[in-house]
Amino acid sequence: MPPDIRPVLVALRASQLGDLVTVVPALRALRRGFPGHRIVLAAPGELAPLARLSGAVDEVAPTRGTVPPPVGRPVDLAVNLHGAGPDSHRALDALAPRRRIGVGCPAQGWPGPPAAELDALHERVRWCRMLAAHGVPADPDDLRLPPPRDRVADGPVVVHPGAAYGAKRWPVERFAELARRLAPVGPVVVTGSAAERGLAERVAEGAAVLAGRTSIQDLAAVVAGARLVVSGDTGVAHLASAFGRPSVVLFGPVGPERWGPPAGPHEALTHARVRRGDPFADDPDPALLAIGVDEVHAACLRVSSA
């Protein structure tokens, strides 16, 4: 095979599952805008199978924190889809790119729109708007992913009780009650990380527990075939949106106006009037605690029958 001599574009998104899914529209815009470039996504290595589903990247370069590894060739264009700097800008500057696209930071010499113009936007819209300011048209609704070839075909109900911080974790006993009520909708499976396996087992009560047993690729296959997905504001919710699967998403400290699902067979539930707004708190946000099991169950029945 002849060597790949295309100019290199490095896009940085050194975050987790949901963060990657929200920049799929931006990555596709870069693919259209720079068709002659080799697009290297600097992201956690375990997300590579999902990145490939986007059809927008040629290679995933595993990051160490926000630091992309050397790509072995001169970088023509660096695109910061990770943050407004200074650390993420500095990490890309270390690659000595010929050109740069990102949120504006005059102190570091980065052109672009100021962070204040973008921070209040929905995450998908934010990065598409940033690219548009640099002359790269982007459609924030271009987020759908093709289902993996190995998707689960028996239509499970996916219940995902975990979240990175307690502020976004709906009480486990409510998830358990909801899982019991959803049994007539389809076979219930409870997903999560290895660290969340104990939590998942408390929810399951007879349902299949997949927590700690799935890679990103396996999880994508389960969600892509799901009859329904119920979760807090976490990566699994974004997967459900990307695969167009019916979902109910419970929001606490951060509202759906920033991270919520698109139009479609999805519902976002929250009680904004009592929101505390600390996403790193150890206990559930009052906006999440105000959501009752009856409210979630009713939403589940609506989206699963739509």
C-alpha atoms as a PDB file:
ATOM      1  CA  MET A   1       0.000   0.000   0.000  1.00  0.00           C
ATOM      2  CA  PRO A   2       1.453   3.406  -0.934  1.00  0.00           C
ATOM      3  CA  PRO A   3       2.140   5.826   1.934  1.00  0.00           C
ATOM      4  CA  ASP A   4      -0.618   8.265   2.892  1.00  0.00           C
ATOM      5  CA  ILE A   5       0.712  11.636   1.794  1.00  0.00           C
ATOM      6  CA  ARG A   6      -2.413  13.682   2.555  1.00  0.00           C
ATOM      7  CA  PRO A   7      -1.963  16.730   4.815  1.00  0.00           C
ATOM      8  CA  VAL A   8      -2.812  15.942   8.436  1.00  0.00           C
ATOM      9  CA  LEU A   9      -5.698  17.472  10.386  1.00  0.00           C
ATOM     10  CA  VAL A  10      -5.673  16.728  14.139  1.00  0.00           C
ATOM     11  CA  ALA A  11      -8.958  17.272  16.022  1.00  0.00           C
ATOM     12  CA  LEU A  12      -8.788  17.150  19.832  1.00  0.00           C
ATOM     13  CA  ARG A  13     -11.685  15.779  21.921  1.00  0.00           C
ATOM     14  CA  ALA A  14      -9.990  14.197  24.917  1.00  0.00           C
ATOM     15  CA  SER A  15     -13.188  13.384  26.815  1.00  0.00           C
ATOM     16  CA  GLN A  16     -15.504  10.454  27.391  1.00  0.00           C
ATOM     17  CA  LEU A  17     -18.327   8.722  25.544  1.00  0.00           C
ATOM     18  CA  GLY A  18     -21.041  11.383  25.586  1.00  0.00           C
ATOM     19  CA  ASP A  19     -18.558  14.131  24.779  1.00  0.00           C
ATOM     20  CA  LEU A  20     -17.429  12.288  21.670  1.00  0.00           C
ATOM     21  CA  VAL A  21     -20.974  11.684  20.434  1.00  0.00           C
ATOM     22  CA  THR A  22     -21.845  15.372  20.742  1.00  0.00           C
ATOM     23  CA  VAL A  23     -19.037  16.383  18.368  1.00  0.00           C
ATOM     24  CA  VAL A  24     -19.943  13.884  15.634  1.00  0.00           C
ATOM     25  CA  PRO A  25     -21.673  16.707  13.663  1.00  0.00           C
ATOM     26  CA  ALA A  26     -18.522  18.830  13.956  1.00  0.00           C
ATOM     27  CA  LEU A  27     -16.283  15.957  12.874  1.00  0.00           C
ATOM     28  CA  ARG A  28     -18.470  15.323   9.840  1.00  0.00           C
ATOM     29  CA  ALA A  29     -18.289  19.006   8.968  1.00  0.00           C
ATOM     30  CA  LEU A  30     -14.498  18.765   9.043  1.00  0.00           C
ATOM     31  CA  ARG A  31     -14.640  15.706   6.783  1.00  0.00           C
ATOM     32  CA  ARG A  32     -16.711  17.668   4.254  1.00  0.00           C
ATOM     33  CA  GLY A  33     -14.689  20.839   4.648  1.00  0.00           C
ATOM     34  CA  PHE A  34     -11.278  19.188   4.292  1.00  0.00           C
ATOM     35  CA  PRO A  35     -11.832  16.161   2.039  1.00  0.00           C
ATOM     36  CA  GLY A  36      -8.175  15.994   1.046  1.00  0.00           C
ATOM     37  CA  HIS A  37      -6.860  15.741   4.622  1.00  0.00           C
ATOM     38  CA  ARG A  38      -6.107  12.750   6.790  1.00  0.00           C
ATOM     39  CA  ILE A  39      -8.260  13.389   9.867  1.00  0.00           C
ATOM     40  CA  VAL A  40      -6.740  12.196  13.128  1.00  0.00           C
ATOM     41  CA  LEU A  41      -8.968  12.351  16.189  1.00  0.00           C
ATOM     42  CA  ALA A  42      -7.046  12.765  19.450  1.00  0.00           C
ATOM     43  CA  ALA A  43      -9.329  11.054  21.976  1.00  0.00           C
ATOM     44  CA  PRO A  44      -9.337   8.201  24.507  1.00  0.00           C
ATOM     45  CA  GLY A  45      -8.279   5.043  22.677  1.00  0.00           C
ATOM     46  CA  GLU A  46     -11.238   2.972  23.897  1.00  0.00           C
ATOM     47  CA  LEU A  47     -13.579   5.248  21.917  1.00  0.00           C
ATOM     48  CA  ALA A  48     -11.976   4.339  18.581  1.00  0.00           C
ATOM     49  CA  PRO A  49     -14.745   1.891  17.488  1.00  0.00           C
ATOM     50  CA  LEU A  50     -17.373   4.570  18.042  1.00  0.00           C
ATOM     51  CA  ALA A  51     -15.302   7.219  16.272  1.00  0.00           C
ATOM     52  CA  ARG A  52     -15.021   4.949  13.248  1.00  0.00           C
ATOM     53  CA  LEU A  53     -18.826   4.609  13.101  1.00  0.00           C
ATOM     54  CA  SER A  54     -19.025   8.350  12.456  1.00  0.00           C
ATOM     55  CA  GLY A  55     -17.347   7.901   9.075  1.00  0.00           C
ATOM     56  CA  ALA A  56     -15.511  11.165   9.708  1.00  0.00           C
ATOM     57  CA  VAL A  57     -12.069  10.159  10.971  1.00  0.00           C
ATOM     58  CA  ASP A  58      -9.215   8.174   9.488  1.00  0.00           C
ATOM     59  CA  GLU A  59      -7.366   7.444  12.725  1.00  0.00           C
ATOM     60  CA  VAL A  60      -7.759   7.753  16.489  1.00  0.00           C
ATOM     61  CA  ALA A  61      -4.627   8.865  18.343  1.00  0.00           C
ATOM     62  CA  PRO A  62      -5.042   7.946  22.041  1.00  0.00           C
ATOM     63  CA  THR A  63      -4.588  10.933  24.313  1.00  0.00           C
ATOM     64  CA  ARG A  64      -2.867  11.150  27.679  1.00  0.00           C
ATOM     65  CA  GLY A  65      -5.085  13.599  29.513  1.00  0.00           C
ATOM     66  CA  THR A  66      -5.525  16.385  26.979  1.00  0.00           C
ATOM     67  CA  VAL A  67      -2.183  15.703  25.329  1.00  0.00           C
ATOM     68  CA  PRO A  68      -2.359  14.175  21.836  1.00  0.00           C
ATOM     69  CA  PRO A  69       0.530  11.884  20.927  1.00  0.00           C
ATOM     70  CA  PRO A  70       2.939  12.723  18.115  1.00  0.00           C
ATOM     71  CA  VAL A  71       1.336  11.785  14.807  1.00  0.00           C
ATOM     72  CA  GLY A  72       4.598  11.108  12.996  1.00  0.00           C
ATOM     73  CA  ARG A  73       4.098  13.757  10.335  1.00  0.00           C
ATOM     74  CA  PRO A  74       3.824  17.547  10.175  1.00  0.00           C
ATOM     75  CA  VAL A  75       0.351  18.775  11.179  1.00  0.00           C
ATOM     76  CA  ASP A  76      -1.284  21.071   8.664  1.00  0.00           C
ATOM     77  CA  LEU A  77      -4.359  21.955  10.741  1.00  0.00           C
ATOM     78  CA  ALA A  78      -5.174  21.597  14.450  1.00  0.00           C
ATOM     79  CA  VAL A  79      -8.827  21.810  15.506  1.00  0.00           C
ATOM     80  CA  ASN A  80      -9.716  22.204  19.169  1.00  0.00           C
ATOM     81  CA  LEU A  81     -13.076  20.528  19.821  1.00  0.00           C
ATOM     82  CA  HIS A  82     -12.194  20.010  23.472  1.00  0.00           C
ATOM     83  CA  GLY A  83     -12.241  23.394  25.171  1.00  0.00           C
ATOM     84  CA  ALA A  84     -11.514  27.090  25.034  1.00  0.00           C
ATOM     85  CA  GLY A  85      -7.963  26.813  26.340  1.00  0.00           C
ATOM     86  CA  PRO A  86      -5.469  27.467  27.650  1.00  0.00           C
ATOM     87  CA  ASP A  87      -4.452  23.838  28.323  1.00  0.00           C
ATOM     88  CA  SER A  88      -6.102  22.290  25.269  1.00  0.00           C
ATOM     89  CA  HIS A  89      -4.799  25.060  22.997  1.00  0.00           C
ATOM     90  CA  ARG A  90      -1.336  24.555  24.434  1.00  0.00           C
ATOM     91  CA  ALA A  91      -1.507  20.786  23.843  1.00  0.00           C
ATOM     92  CA  LEU A  92      -2.285  21.320  20.166  1.00  0.00           C
ATOM     93  CA  ASP A  93       0.319  24.061  19.807  1.00  0.00           C
ATOM     94  CA  ALA A  94       2.915  21.457  20.824  1.00  0.00           C
ATOM     95  CA  LEU A  95       2.208  19.728  17.494  1.00  0.00           C
ATOM     96  CA  ALA A  96       3.370  22.894  15.674  1.00  0.00           C
ATOM     97  CA  PRO A  97       0.389  23.047  13.309  1.00  0.00           C
ATOM     98  CA  ARG A  98       0.501  25.312  10.291  1.00  0.00           C
ATOM     99  CA  ARG A  99      -3.091  26.481  10.936  1.00  0.00           C
ATOM    100  CA  ARG A 100      -5.450  26.427  13.935  1.00  0.00           C
ATOM    101  CA  ILE A 101      -9.227  26.367  14.405  1.00  0.00           C
ATOM    102  CA  GLY A 102     -10.814  26.780  17.807  1.00  0.00           C
ATOM    103  CA  VAL A 103     -12.430  29.088  20.304  1.00  0.00           C
ATOM    104  CA  GLY A 104     -10.719  32.463  20.198  1.00  0.00           C
ATOM    105  CA  CYS A 105      -7.903  33.087  22.668  1.00  0.00           C
ATOM    106  CA  PRO A 106      -5.899  36.168  21.659  1.00  0.00           C
ATOM    107  CA  ALA A 107      -3.383  35.666  24.461  1.00  0.00           C
ATOM    108  CA  GLN A 108      -2.357  32.375  22.858  1.00  0.00           C
ATOM    109  CA  GLY A 109      -2.711  33.573  19.282  1.00  0.00           C
ATOM    110  CA  TRP A 110      -5.786  31.454  18.526  1.00  0.00           C
ATOM    111  CA  PRO A 111      -8.301  33.167  16.235  1.00  0.00           C
ATOM    112  CA  GLY A 112     -11.999  32.447  16.531  1.00  0.00           C
ATOM    113  CA  PRO A 113     -15.206  33.420  18.295  1.00  0.00           C
ATOM    114  CA  PRO A 114     -14.877  34.268  21.998  1.00  0.00           C
ATOM    115  CA  ALA A 115     -15.965  31.677  24.546  1.00  0.00           C
ATOM    116  CA  ALA A 116     -18.671  34.024  25.866  1.00  0.00           C
ATOM    117  CA  GLU A 117     -20.538  33.713  22.555  1.00  0.00           C
ATOM    118  CA  LEU A 118     -20.593  29.915  22.725  1.00  0.00           C
ATOM    119  CA  ASP A 119     -20.809  28.843  26.357  1.00  0.00           C
ATOM    120  CA  ALA A 120     -24.605  29.011  26.725  1.00  0.00           C
ATOM    121  CA  LEU A 121     -25.283  26.960  23.579  1.00  0.00           C
ATOM    122  CA  HIS A 122     -26.191  23.290  23.411  1.00  0.00           C
ATOM    123  CA  GLU A 123     -22.991  21.248  23.212  1.00  0.00           C
ATOM    124  CA  ARG A 124     -23.622  20.066  19.637  1.00  0.00           C
ATOM    125  CA  VAL A 125     -24.507  23.575  18.504  1.00  0.00           C
ATOM    126  CA  ARG A 126     -21.515  25.077  20.296  1.00  0.00           C
ATOM    127  CA  TRP A 127     -18.891  23.258  18.256  1.00  0.00           C
ATOM    128  CA  CYS A 128     -20.783  23.605  14.997  1.00  0.00           C
ATOM    129  CA  ARG A 129     -21.113  27.345  15.585  1.00  0.00           C
ATOM    130  CA  MET A 130     -17.385  27.570  16.307  1.00  0.00           C
ATOM    131  CA  LEU A 131     -16.568  25.833  13.022  1.00  0.00           C
ATOM    132  CA  ALA A 132     -19.001  28.044  11.111  1.00  0.00           C
ATOM    133  CA  ALA A 133     -17.209  31.116  12.464  1.00  0.00           C
ATOM    134  CA  HIS A 134     -14.067  29.737  10.807  1.00  0.00           C
ATOM    135  CA  GLY A 135     -15.867  29.229   7.491  1.00  0.00           C
ATOM    136  CA  VAL A 136     -16.668  25.531   7.921  1.00  0.00           C
ATOM    137  CA  PRO A 137     -20.456  24.969   7.639  1.00  0.00           C
ATOM    138  CA  ALA A 138     -21.741  22.436  10.164  1.00  0.00           C
ATOM    139  CA  ASP A 139     -25.168  20.947  10.920  1.00  0.00           C
ATOM    140  CA  PRO A 140     -25.714  20.160  14.627  1.00  0.00           C
ATOM    141  CA  ASP A 141     -28.474  17.700  13.700  1.00  0.00           C
ATOM    142  CA  ASP A 142     -26.060  15.509  11.716  1.00  0.00           C
ATOM    143  CA  LEU A 143     -25.501  13.239  14.712  1.00  0.00           C
ATOM    144  CA  ARG A 144     -27.006   9.878  13.753  1.00  0.00           C
ATOM    145  CA  LEU A 145     -24.653   6.894  13.723  1.00  0.00           C
ATOM    146  CA  PRO A 146     -25.194   3.724  11.700  1.00  0.00           C
ATOM    147  CA  PRO A 147     -25.927   0.735  13.954  1.00  0.00           C
ATOM    148  CA  PRO A 148     -22.998  -1.613  14.543  1.00  0.00           C
ATOM    149  CA  ARG A 149     -23.121  -4.848  12.565  1.00  0.00           C
ATOM    150  CA  ASP A 150     -23.306  -6.804  15.822  1.00  0.00           C
ATOM    151  CA  ARG A 151     -26.169  -4.857  17.397  1.00  0.00           C
ATOM    152  CA  VAL A 152     -28.439  -6.756  19.785  1.00  0.00           C
ATOM    153  CA  ALA A 153     -31.627  -7.608  17.951  1.00  0.00           C
ATOM    154  CA  ASP A 154     -34.081  -8.671  20.674  1.00  0.00           C
ATOM    155  CA  GLY A 155     -35.047  -5.159  21.741  1.00  0.00           C
ATOM    156  CA  PRO A 156     -33.934  -4.922  25.374  1.00  0.00           C
ATOM    157  CA  VAL A 157     -34.956  -2.152  27.739  1.00  0.00           C
ATOM    158  CA  VAL A 158     -31.670  -0.573  28.831  1.00  0.00           C
ATOM    159  CA  VAL A 159     -31.603   0.910  32.336  1.00  0.00           C
ATOM    160  CA  HIS A 160     -28.402   2.796  33.145  1.00  0.00           C
ATOM    161  CA  PRO A 161     -28.402   4.016  36.770  1.00  0.00           C
ATOM    162  CA  GLY A 162     -24.826   5.290  37.033  1.00  0.00           C
ATOM    163  CA  ALA A 163     -23.255   8.697  36.489  1.00  0.00           C
ATOM    164  CA  ALA A 164     -19.825  10.162  37.093  1.00  0.00           C
ATOM    165  CA  TYR A 165     -20.999  12.280  40.047  1.00  0.00           C
ATOM    166  CA  GLY A 166     -23.674  11.814  42.677  1.00  0.00           C
ATOM    167  CA  ALA A 167     -25.359  15.057  41.587  1.00  0.00           C
ATOM    168  CA  LYS A 168     -26.534  13.287  38.418  1.00  0.00           C
ATOM    169  CA  ARG A 169     -27.508   9.960  40.050  1.00  0.00           C
ATOM    170  CA  TRP A 170     -31.225   9.319  40.487  1.00  0.00           C
ATOM    171  CA  PRO A 171     -31.838   7.245  43.656  1.00  0.00           C
ATOM    172  CA  VAL A 172     -31.144   3.544  43.183  1.00  0.00           C
ATOM    173  CA  GLU A 173     -34.433   2.444  44.767  1.00  0.00           C
ATOM    174  CA  ARG A 174     -36.328   4.485  42.171  1.00  0.00           C
ATOM    175  CA  PHE A 175     -34.374   2.887  39.341  1.00  0.00           C
ATOM    176  CA  ALA A 176     -35.169  -0.527  40.855  1.00  0.00           C
ATOM    177  CA  GLU A 177     -38.900   0.234  41.015  1.00  0.00           C
ATOM    178  CA  LEU A 178     -38.818   1.571  37.443  1.00  0.00           C
ATOM    179  CA  ALA A 179     -37.024  -1.549  36.185  1.00  0.00           C
ATOM    180  CA  ARG A 180     -39.766  -3.731  37.705  1.00  0.00           C
ATOM    181  CA  ARG A 181     -42.459  -1.669  36.022  1.00  0.00           C
ATOM    182  CA  LEU A 182     -40.733  -1.802  32.648  1.00  0.00           C
ATOM    183  CA  ALA A 183     -40.539  -5.601  32.520  1.00  0.00           C
ATOM    184  CA  PRO A 184     -43.703  -5.811  30.342  1.00  0.00           C
ATOM    185  CA  VAL A 185     -42.090  -3.488  27.756  1.00  0.00           C
ATOM    186  CA  GLY A 186     -39.194  -5.853  27.030  1.00  0.00           C
ATOM    187  CA  PRO A 187     -36.331  -7.759  28.634  1.00  0.00           C
ATOM    188  CA  VAL A 188     -34.559  -5.387  31.017  1.00  0.00           C
ATOM    189  CA  VAL A 189     -30.766  -5.117  31.069  1.00  0.00           C
ATOM    190  CA  VAL A 190     -28.837  -2.907  33.485  1.00  0.00           C
ATOM    191  CA  THR A 191     -25.641  -1.344  32.170  1.00  0.00           C
ATOM    192  CA  GLY A 192     -22.753   0.490  33.790  1.00  0.00           C
ATOM    193  CA  SER A 193     -19.034   0.432  34.386  1.00  0.00           C
ATOM    194  CA  ALA A 194     -17.202  -2.166  36.444  1.00  0.00           C
ATOM    195  CA  ALA A 195     -17.200   0.276  39.361  1.00  0.00           C
ATOM    196  CA  GLU A 196     -20.993   0.549  39.064  1.00  0.00           C
ATOM    197  CA  ARG A 197     -21.678  -3.181  39.111  1.00  0.00           C
ATOM    198  CA  GLY A 198     -22.873  -3.161  42.733  1.00  0.00           C
ATOM    199  CA  LEU A 199     -25.250  -0.311  41.930  1.00  0.00           C
ATOM    200  CA  ALA A 200     -26.524  -2.199  38.870  1.00  0.00           C
ATOM    201  CA  GLU A 201     -27.173  -5.349  40.889  1.00  0.00           C
ATOM    202  CA  ARG A 202     -29.251  -3.364  43.383  1.00  0.00           C
ATOM    203  CA  VAL A 203     -31.364  -2.095  40.484  1.00  0.00           C
ATOM    204  CA  ALA A 204     -31.683  -5.378  38.599  1.00  0.00           C
ATOM    205  CA  GLU A 205     -33.610  -7.730  40.918  1.00  0.00           C
ATOM    206  CA  GLY A 206     -33.695 -10.483  38.317  1.00  0.00           C
ATOM    207  CA  ALA A 207     -32.886  -8.461  35.220  1.00  0.00           C
ATOM    208  CA  ALA A 208     -29.648  -9.095  33.325  1.00  0.00           C
ATOM    209  CA  VAL A 209     -26.676  -7.128  34.671  1.00  0.00           C
ATOM    210  CA  LEU A 210     -24.202  -6.057  31.989  1.00  0.00           C
ATOM    211  CA  ALA A 211     -22.353  -3.525  34.149  1.00  0.00           C
ATOM    212  CA  GLY A 212     -18.612  -4.097  33.924  1.00  0.00           C
ATOM    213  CA  ARG A 213     -19.014  -6.672  31.166  1.00  0.00           C
ATOM    214  CA  THR A 214     -19.216  -4.494  28.077  1.00  0.00           C
ATOM    215  CA  SER A 215     -16.637  -2.648  26.019  1.00  0.00           C
ATOM    216  CA  ILE A 216     -17.652   0.567  24.273  1.00  0.00           C
ATOM    217  CA  GLN A 217     -18.310  -1.524  21.174  1.00  0.00           C
ATOM    218  CA  ASP A 218     -20.494  -3.978  23.127  1.00  0.00           C
ATOM    219  CA  LEU A 219     -22.409  -1.172  24.801  1.00  0.00           C
ATOM    220  CA  ALA A 220     -23.029   0.478  21.434  1.00  0.00           C
ATOM    221  CA  ALA A 221     -24.386  -2.823  20.090  1.00  0.00           C
ATOM    222  CA  VAL A 222     -26.801  -3.128  23.028  1.00  0.00           C
ATOM    223  CA  VAL A 223     -28.038   0.470  22.804  1.00  0.00           C
ATOM    224  CA  ALA A 224     -28.353   0.380  19.000  1.00  0.00           C
ATOM    225  CA  GLY A 225     -30.843  -2.494  19.306  1.00  0.00           C
ATOM    226  CA  ALA A 226     -32.665  -1.233  22.388  1.00  0.00           C
ATOM    227  CA  ARG A 227     -36.417  -0.888  22.567  1.00  0.00           C
ATOM    228  CA  LEU A 228     -35.967   1.813  25.204  1.00  0.00           C
ATOM    229  CA  VAL A 229     -33.087   3.481  27.074  1.00  0.00           C
ATOM    230  CA  VAL A 230     -33.509   5.127  30.487  1.00  0.00           C
ATOM    231  CA  SER A 231     -30.608   6.955  32.103  1.00  0.00           C
ATOM    232  CA  GLY A 232     -29.355  10.081  33.739  1.00  0.00           C
ATOM    233  CA  ASP A 233     -27.442  12.750  31.879  1.00  0.00           C
ATOM    234  CA  THR A 234     -24.543  10.522  30.811  1.00  0.00           C
ATOM    235  CA  GLY A 235     -22.914   8.901  27.787  1.00  0.00           C
ATOM    236  CA  VAL A 236     -25.525   6.186  27.262  1.00  0.00           C
ATOM    237  CA  ALA A 237     -28.169   8.884  26.718  1.00  0.00           C
ATOM    238  CA  HIS A 238     -26.099  10.355  23.885  1.00  0.00           C
ATOM    239  CA  LEU A 239     -25.659   6.907  22.346  1.00  0.00           C
ATOM    240  CA  ALA A 240     -29.434   6.460  22.312  1.00  0.00           C
ATOM    241  CA  SER A 241     -29.800   9.793  20.502  1.00  0.00           C
ATOM    242  CA  ALA A 242     -27.080   8.883  18.000  1.00  0.00           C
ATOM    243  CA  PHE A 243     -28.749   5.553  17.173  1.00  0.00           C
ATOM    244  CA  GLY A 244     -32.257   7.028  17.192  1.00  0.00           C
ATOM    245  CA  ARG A 245     -33.464   4.697  19.955  1.00  0.00           C
ATOM    246  CA  PRO A 246     -36.362   5.782  22.208  1.00  0.00           C
ATOM    247  CA  SER A 247     -34.985   7.269  25.402  1.00  0.00           C
ATOM    248  CA  VAL A 248     -35.918   9.014  28.618  1.00  0.00           C
ATOM    249  CA  VAL A 249     -33.142  11.115  30.157  1.00  0.00           C
ATOM    250  CA  LEU A 250     -33.209  12.470  33.717  1.00  0.00           C
ATOM    251  CA  PHE A 251     -31.485  15.832  34.254  1.00  0.00           C
ATOM    252  CA  GLY A 252     -30.309  17.283  37.543  1.00  0.00           C
ATOM    253  CA  PRO A 253     -27.655  19.995  37.992  1.00  0.00           C
ATOM    254  CA  VAL A 254     -27.325  20.770  34.274  1.00  0.00           C
ATOM    255  CA  GLY A 255     -30.444  21.156  32.178  1.00  0.00           C
ATOM    256  CA  PRO A 256     -31.336  19.604  28.834  1.00  0.00           C
ATOM    257  CA  GLU A 257     -30.859  22.933  27.088  1.00  0.00           C
ATOM    258  CA  ARG A 258     -27.111  22.201  27.215  1.00  0.00           C
ATOM    259  CA  TRP A 259     -26.881  18.398  26.930  1.00  0.00           C
ATOM    260  CA  GLY A 260     -30.402  17.199  26.089  1.00  0.00           C
ATOM    261  CA  PRO A 261     -31.487  14.846  23.293  1.00  0.00           C
ATOM    262  CA  PRO A 262     -32.566  16.107  19.870  1.00  0.00           C
ATOM    263  CA  ALA A 263     -36.101  15.977  18.552  1.00  0.00           C
ATOM    264  CA  GLY A 264     -37.272  12.423  18.078  1.00  0.00           C
ATOM    265  CA  PRO A 265     -38.383   9.527  20.257  1.00  0.00           C
ATOM    266  CA  HIS A 266     -36.763  11.095  23.321  1.00  0.00           C
ATOM    267  CA  GLU A 267     -37.957  12.852  26.465  1.00  0.00           C
ATOM    268  CA  ALA A 268     -35.891  14.901  28.893  1.00  0.00           C
ATOM    269  CA  LEU A 269     -37.212  15.192  32.441  1.00  0.00           C
ATOM    270  CA  THR A 270     -36.148  17.694  35.082  1.00  0.00           C
ATOM    271  CA  HIS A 271     -37.572  20.190  37.589  1.00  0.00           C
ATOM    272  CA  ALA A 272     -35.550  23.307  36.893  1.00  0.00           C
ATOM    273  CA  ARG A 273     -37.280  25.473  39.487  1.00  0.00           C
ATOM    274  CA  VAL A 274     -35.542  23.593  42.338  1.00  0.00           C
ATOM    275  CA  ARG A 275     -32.159  23.115  40.638  1.00  0.00           C
ATOM    276  CA  ARG A 276     -29.088  23.670  42.806  1.00  0.00           C
ATOM    277  CA  GLY A 277     -26.737  23.492  39.823  1.00  0.00           C
ATOM    278  CA  ASP A 278     -23.580  21.926  41.288  1.00  0.00           C
ATOM    279  CA  PRO A 279     -22.610  19.125  38.856  1.00  0.00           C
ATOM    280  CA  PHE A 280     -19.828  17.838  41.133  1.00  0.00           C
ATOM    281  CA  ALA A 281     -21.856  17.429  44.330  1.00  0.00           C
ATOM    282  CA  ASP A 282     -21.944  14.021  45.997  1.00  0.00           C
ATOM    283  CA  ASP A 283     -25.724  13.966  46.463  1.00  0.00           C
ATOM    284  CA  PRO A 284     -28.467  14.153  43.810  1.00  0.00           C
ATOM    285  CA  ASP A 285     -29.473  17.614  42.668  1.00  0.00           C
ATOM    286  CA  PRO A 286     -32.967  18.631  43.854  1.00  0.00           C
ATOM    287  CA  ALA A 287     -34.003  18.971  40.187  1.00  0.00           C
ATOM    288  CA  LEU A 288     -33.332  15.229  39.866  1.00  0.00           C
ATOM    289  CA  LEU A 289     -34.872  14.227  43.189  1.00  0.00           C
ATOM    290  CA  ALA A 290     -38.097  15.986  42.223  1.00  0.00           C
ATOM    291  CA  ILE A 291     -38.595  13.493  39.356  1.00  0.00           C
ATOM    292  CA  GLY A 292     -40.867  10.681  40.529  1.00  0.00           C
ATOM    293  CA  VAL A 293     -41.077   7.083  39.330  1.00  0.00           C
ATOM    294  CA  ASP A 294     -44.600   7.603  37.998  1.00  0.00           C
ATOM    295  CA  GLU A 295     -43.387  10.523  35.879  1.00  0.00           C
ATOM    296  CA  VAL A 296     -40.520   8.511  34.397  1.00  0.00           C
ATOM    297  CA  HIS A 297     -42.654   5.427  33.797  1.00  0.00           C
ATOM    298  CA  ALA A 298     -45.262   7.471  31.935  1.00  0.00           C
ATOM    299  CA  ALA A 299     -42.564   9.026  29.744  1.00  0.00           C
ATOM    300  CA  CYS A 300     -41.123   5.578  29.030  1.00  0.00           C
ATOM    301  CA  LEU A 301     -44.496   4.305  27.839  1.00  0.00           C
ATOM    302  CA  ARG A 302     -44.930   7.355  25.604  1.00  0.00           C
ATOM    303  CA  VAL A 303     -41.579   7.095  23.819  1.00  0.00           C
ATOM    304  CA  SER A 304     -41.598   3.303  23.527  1.00  0.00           C
ATOM    305  CA  SER A 305     -44.981   3.361  21.800  1.00  0.00           C
ATOM    306  CA  ALA A 306     -44.299   6.355  19.560  1.00  0.00           C
END
